[in-house]
Amino acid sequence: MTEIMGILMQIKPVLGAFLCLVGGVLAIIGTVGVLRFPDFYSRLHAASVIDTSAATLAIIGMMLLAPTWLIVFKLGVVWLFLFLTGPTSSHALANAAHTAGVEPLIGRRNGDDEGADS
């Protein structure tokens, strides 16, 4: 049992750093999605889904790197707050946009079919 705990204590910092790195890369991918997608609803989807998953992975990585249980608990509270408010705020924004009459883009954008054989 002591050998297993020793191995886990050696793997924990590497796994924590890896999860923080993956969370950061996901956040960058979400930012690129926000910049590249064509309409408000697509951008909102990219921002909300990727933001929640990136924050989750980064916080789990930070929990693995945390020196005390108090810090792990605080990170868990931060994660719970982000997990509950992120999708709620995205839904509120989508609902406000729909109420204001913002229409999603449907079909091809101009220039998307250039070079296609008809």
C-alpha atoms as a PDB file:
ATOM      1  CA  MET A   1       0.000   0.000   0.000  1.00  0.00           C
ATOM      2  CA  THR A   2       2.869   2.369   0.768  1.00  0.00           C
ATOM      3  CA  GLU A   3       4.411   1.667  -2.633  1.00  0.00           C
ATOM      4  CA  ILE A   4       1.176   2.604  -4.401  1.00  0.00           C
ATOM      5  CA  MET A   5       0.953   5.870  -2.425  1.00  0.00           C
ATOM      6  CA  GLY A   6       4.558   6.644  -3.349  1.00  0.00           C
ATOM      7  CA  ILE A   7       3.840   6.112  -7.021  1.00  0.00           C
ATOM      8  CA  LEU A   8       0.694   8.258  -6.850  1.00  0.00           C
ATOM      9  CA  MET A   9       2.586  11.062  -5.124  1.00  0.00           C
ATOM     10  CA  GLN A  10       5.136  11.024  -7.961  1.00  0.00           C
ATOM     11  CA  ILE A  11       2.488  11.009 -10.699  1.00  0.00           C
ATOM     12  CA  LYS A  12       0.264  13.667  -9.097  1.00  0.00           C
ATOM     13  CA  PRO A  13       2.341  16.760 -10.045  1.00  0.00           C
ATOM     14  CA  VAL A  14       2.847  15.556 -13.609  1.00  0.00           C
ATOM     15  CA  LEU A  15      -0.848  14.810 -14.052  1.00  0.00           C
ATOM     16  CA  GLY A  16      -1.788  18.146 -12.476  1.00  0.00           C
ATOM     17  CA  ALA A  17       0.521  20.065 -14.792  1.00  0.00           C
ATOM     18  CA  PHE A  18      -0.785  18.125 -17.799  1.00  0.00           C
ATOM     19  CA  LEU A  19      -4.417  18.904 -16.918  1.00  0.00           C
ATOM     20  CA  CYS A  20      -3.604  22.599 -16.444  1.00  0.00           C
ATOM     21  CA  LEU A  21      -1.903  22.612 -19.842  1.00  0.00           C
ATOM     22  CA  VAL A  22      -4.839  20.872 -21.534  1.00  0.00           C
ATOM     23  CA  GLY A  23      -7.244  23.332 -19.886  1.00  0.00           C
ATOM     24  CA  GLY A  24      -5.198  26.249 -21.194  1.00  0.00           C
ATOM     25  CA  VAL A  25      -5.101  24.795 -24.708  1.00  0.00           C
ATOM     26  CA  LEU A  26      -8.884  24.286 -24.615  1.00  0.00           C
ATOM     27  CA  ALA A  27      -9.339  27.914 -23.552  1.00  0.00           C
ATOM     28  CA  ILE A  28      -7.256  29.026 -26.541  1.00  0.00           C
ATOM     29  CA  ILE A  29      -9.299  26.783 -28.858  1.00  0.00           C
ATOM     30  CA  GLY A  30     -12.487  28.343 -27.482  1.00  0.00           C
ATOM     31  CA  THR A  31     -11.089  31.812 -28.134  1.00  0.00           C
ATOM     32  CA  VAL A  32     -10.292  30.884 -31.725  1.00  0.00           C
ATOM     33  CA  GLY A  33     -13.840  29.531 -32.078  1.00  0.00           C
ATOM     34  CA  VAL A  34     -15.280  32.804 -30.810  1.00  0.00           C
ATOM     35  CA  LEU A  35     -13.225  34.704 -33.365  1.00  0.00           C
ATOM     36  CA  ARG A  36     -13.890  32.389 -36.313  1.00  0.00           C
ATOM     37  CA  PHE A  37     -17.528  31.327 -36.044  1.00  0.00           C
ATOM     38  CA  PRO A  38     -19.953  33.310 -38.184  1.00  0.00           C
ATOM     39  CA  ASP A  39     -22.900  34.200 -35.946  1.00  0.00           C
ATOM     40  CA  PHE A  40     -23.719  35.074 -32.363  1.00  0.00           C
ATOM     41  CA  TYR A  41     -25.172  31.694 -31.403  1.00  0.00           C
ATOM     42  CA  SER A  42     -22.194  29.700 -32.704  1.00  0.00           C
ATOM     43  CA  ARG A  43     -19.805  32.021 -30.903  1.00  0.00           C
ATOM     44  CA  LEU A  44     -21.800  31.765 -27.703  1.00  0.00           C
ATOM     45  CA  HIS A  45     -21.779  27.973 -27.923  1.00  0.00           C
ATOM     46  CA  ALA A  46     -18.014  27.880 -28.441  1.00  0.00           C
ATOM     47  CA  ALA A  47     -17.433  30.237 -25.545  1.00  0.00           C
ATOM     48  CA  SER A  48     -19.733  28.518 -23.064  1.00  0.00           C
ATOM     49  CA  VAL A  49     -18.955  24.851 -23.702  1.00  0.00           C
ATOM     50  CA  ILE A  50     -15.212  25.208 -24.072  1.00  0.00           C
ATOM     51  CA  ASP A  51     -14.963  27.694 -21.211  1.00  0.00           C
ATOM     52  CA  THR A  52     -16.665  25.334 -18.775  1.00  0.00           C
ATOM     53  CA  SER A  53     -14.602  22.317 -19.799  1.00  0.00           C
ATOM     54  CA  ALA A  54     -11.329  24.275 -19.859  1.00  0.00           C
ATOM     55  CA  ALA A  55     -11.995  25.674 -16.399  1.00  0.00           C
ATOM     56  CA  THR A  56     -12.896  22.205 -15.125  1.00  0.00           C
ATOM     57  CA  LEU A  57      -9.680  20.641 -16.401  1.00  0.00           C
ATOM     58  CA  ALA A  58      -7.522  23.515 -15.164  1.00  0.00           C
ATOM     59  CA  ILE A  59      -9.107  23.477 -11.714  1.00  0.00           C
ATOM     60  CA  ILE A  60      -8.722  19.694 -11.408  1.00  0.00           C
ATOM     61  CA  GLY A  61      -5.065  20.152 -12.363  1.00  0.00           C
ATOM     62  CA  MET A  62      -4.678  22.865  -9.735  1.00  0.00           C
ATOM     63  CA  MET A  63      -6.350  20.610  -7.172  1.00  0.00           C
ATOM     64  CA  LEU A  64      -3.743  17.948  -7.864  1.00  0.00           C
ATOM     65  CA  LEU A  65      -0.987  20.533  -7.403  1.00  0.00           C
ATOM     66  CA  ALA A  66      -2.467  22.077  -4.240  1.00  0.00           C
ATOM     67  CA  PRO A  67      -0.443  21.569  -1.048  1.00  0.00           C
ATOM     68  CA  THR A  68      -3.356  21.496   1.441  1.00  0.00           C
ATOM     69  CA  TRP A  69      -6.941  20.281   1.581  1.00  0.00           C
ATOM     70  CA  LEU A  70      -8.159  23.807   2.331  1.00  0.00           C
ATOM     71  CA  ILE A  71      -6.934  24.988  -1.061  1.00  0.00           C
ATOM     72  CA  VAL A  72      -8.552  21.965  -2.719  1.00  0.00           C
ATOM     73  CA  PHE A  73     -11.844  22.853  -1.030  1.00  0.00           C
ATOM     74  CA  LYS A  74     -11.610  26.487  -2.159  1.00  0.00           C
ATOM     75  CA  LEU A  75     -10.869  25.402  -5.721  1.00  0.00           C
ATOM     76  CA  GLY A  76     -13.891  23.097  -5.557  1.00  0.00           C
ATOM     77  CA  VAL A  77     -16.072  26.032  -4.514  1.00  0.00           C
ATOM     78  CA  VAL A  78     -14.690  28.134  -7.378  1.00  0.00           C
ATOM     79  CA  TRP A  79     -15.380  25.266  -9.804  1.00  0.00           C
ATOM     80  CA  LEU A  80     -18.938  24.894  -8.511  1.00  0.00           C
ATOM     81  CA  PHE A  81     -19.535  28.625  -8.991  1.00  0.00           C
ATOM     82  CA  LEU A  82     -18.170  28.529 -12.559  1.00  0.00           C
ATOM     83  CA  PHE A  83     -20.047  25.327 -13.369  1.00  0.00           C
ATOM     84  CA  LEU A  84     -23.360  26.835 -12.273  1.00  0.00           C
ATOM     85  CA  THR A  85     -22.977  30.386 -13.576  1.00  0.00           C
ATOM     86  CA  GLY A  86     -21.328  29.716 -16.959  1.00  0.00           C
ATOM     87  CA  PRO A  87     -24.190  27.809 -18.605  1.00  0.00           C
ATOM     88  CA  THR A  88     -26.770  29.989 -16.849  1.00  0.00           C
ATOM     89  CA  SER A  89     -25.267  33.196 -18.208  1.00  0.00           C
ATOM     90  CA  SER A  90     -24.939  31.691 -21.689  1.00  0.00           C
ATOM     91  CA  HIS A  91     -28.587  30.701 -21.628  1.00  0.00           C
ATOM     92  CA  ALA A  92     -29.558  34.199 -20.489  1.00  0.00           C
ATOM     93  CA  LEU A  93     -27.524  35.755 -23.318  1.00  0.00           C
ATOM     94  CA  ALA A  94     -29.033  33.406 -25.924  1.00  0.00           C
ATOM     95  CA  ASN A  95     -32.526  34.103 -24.623  1.00  0.00           C
ATOM     96  CA  ALA A  96     -31.936  37.872 -24.737  1.00  0.00           C
ATOM     97  CA  ALA A  97     -30.571  37.631 -28.278  1.00  0.00           C
ATOM     98  CA  HIS A  98     -33.549  35.542 -29.390  1.00  0.00           C
ATOM     99  CA  THR A  99     -35.970  37.987 -27.775  1.00  0.00           C
ATOM    100  CA  ALA A 100     -34.187  40.900 -29.488  1.00  0.00           C
ATOM    101  CA  GLY A 101     -34.642  39.162 -32.855  1.00  0.00           C
ATOM    102  CA  VAL A 102     -31.087  38.036 -33.581  1.00  0.00           C
ATOM    103  CA  GLU A 103     -31.378  35.331 -36.234  1.00  0.00           C
ATOM    104  CA  PRO A 104     -28.885  32.461 -36.594  1.00  0.00           C
ATOM    105  CA  LEU A 105     -27.140  32.013 -39.931  1.00  0.00           C
ATOM    106  CA  ILE A 106     -28.603  29.057 -41.791  1.00  0.00           C
ATOM    107  CA  GLY A 107     -27.086  27.559 -44.904  1.00  0.00           C
ATOM    108  CA  ARG A 108     -23.903  28.596 -46.654  1.00  0.00           C
ATOM    109  CA  ARG A 109     -22.242  31.940 -46.200  1.00  0.00           C
ATOM    110  CA  ASN A 110     -21.250  34.008 -49.226  1.00  0.00           C
ATOM    111  CA  GLY A 111     -17.982  32.713 -50.593  1.00  0.00           C
ATOM    112  CA  ASP A 112     -18.160  29.286 -48.963  1.00  0.00           C
ATOM    113  CA  ASP A 113     -19.002  27.534 -52.218  1.00  0.00           C
ATOM    114  CA  GLU A 114     -16.213  29.091 -54.319  1.00  0.00           C
ATOM    115  CA  GLY A 115     -14.426  26.512 -56.365  1.00  0.00           C
ATOM    116  CA  ALA A 116     -17.117  23.879 -55.847  1.00  0.00           C
ATOM    117  CA  ASP A 117     -18.263  21.934 -58.880  1.00  0.00           C
ATOM    118  CA  SER A 118     -21.947  22.437 -59.563  1.00  0.00           C
END
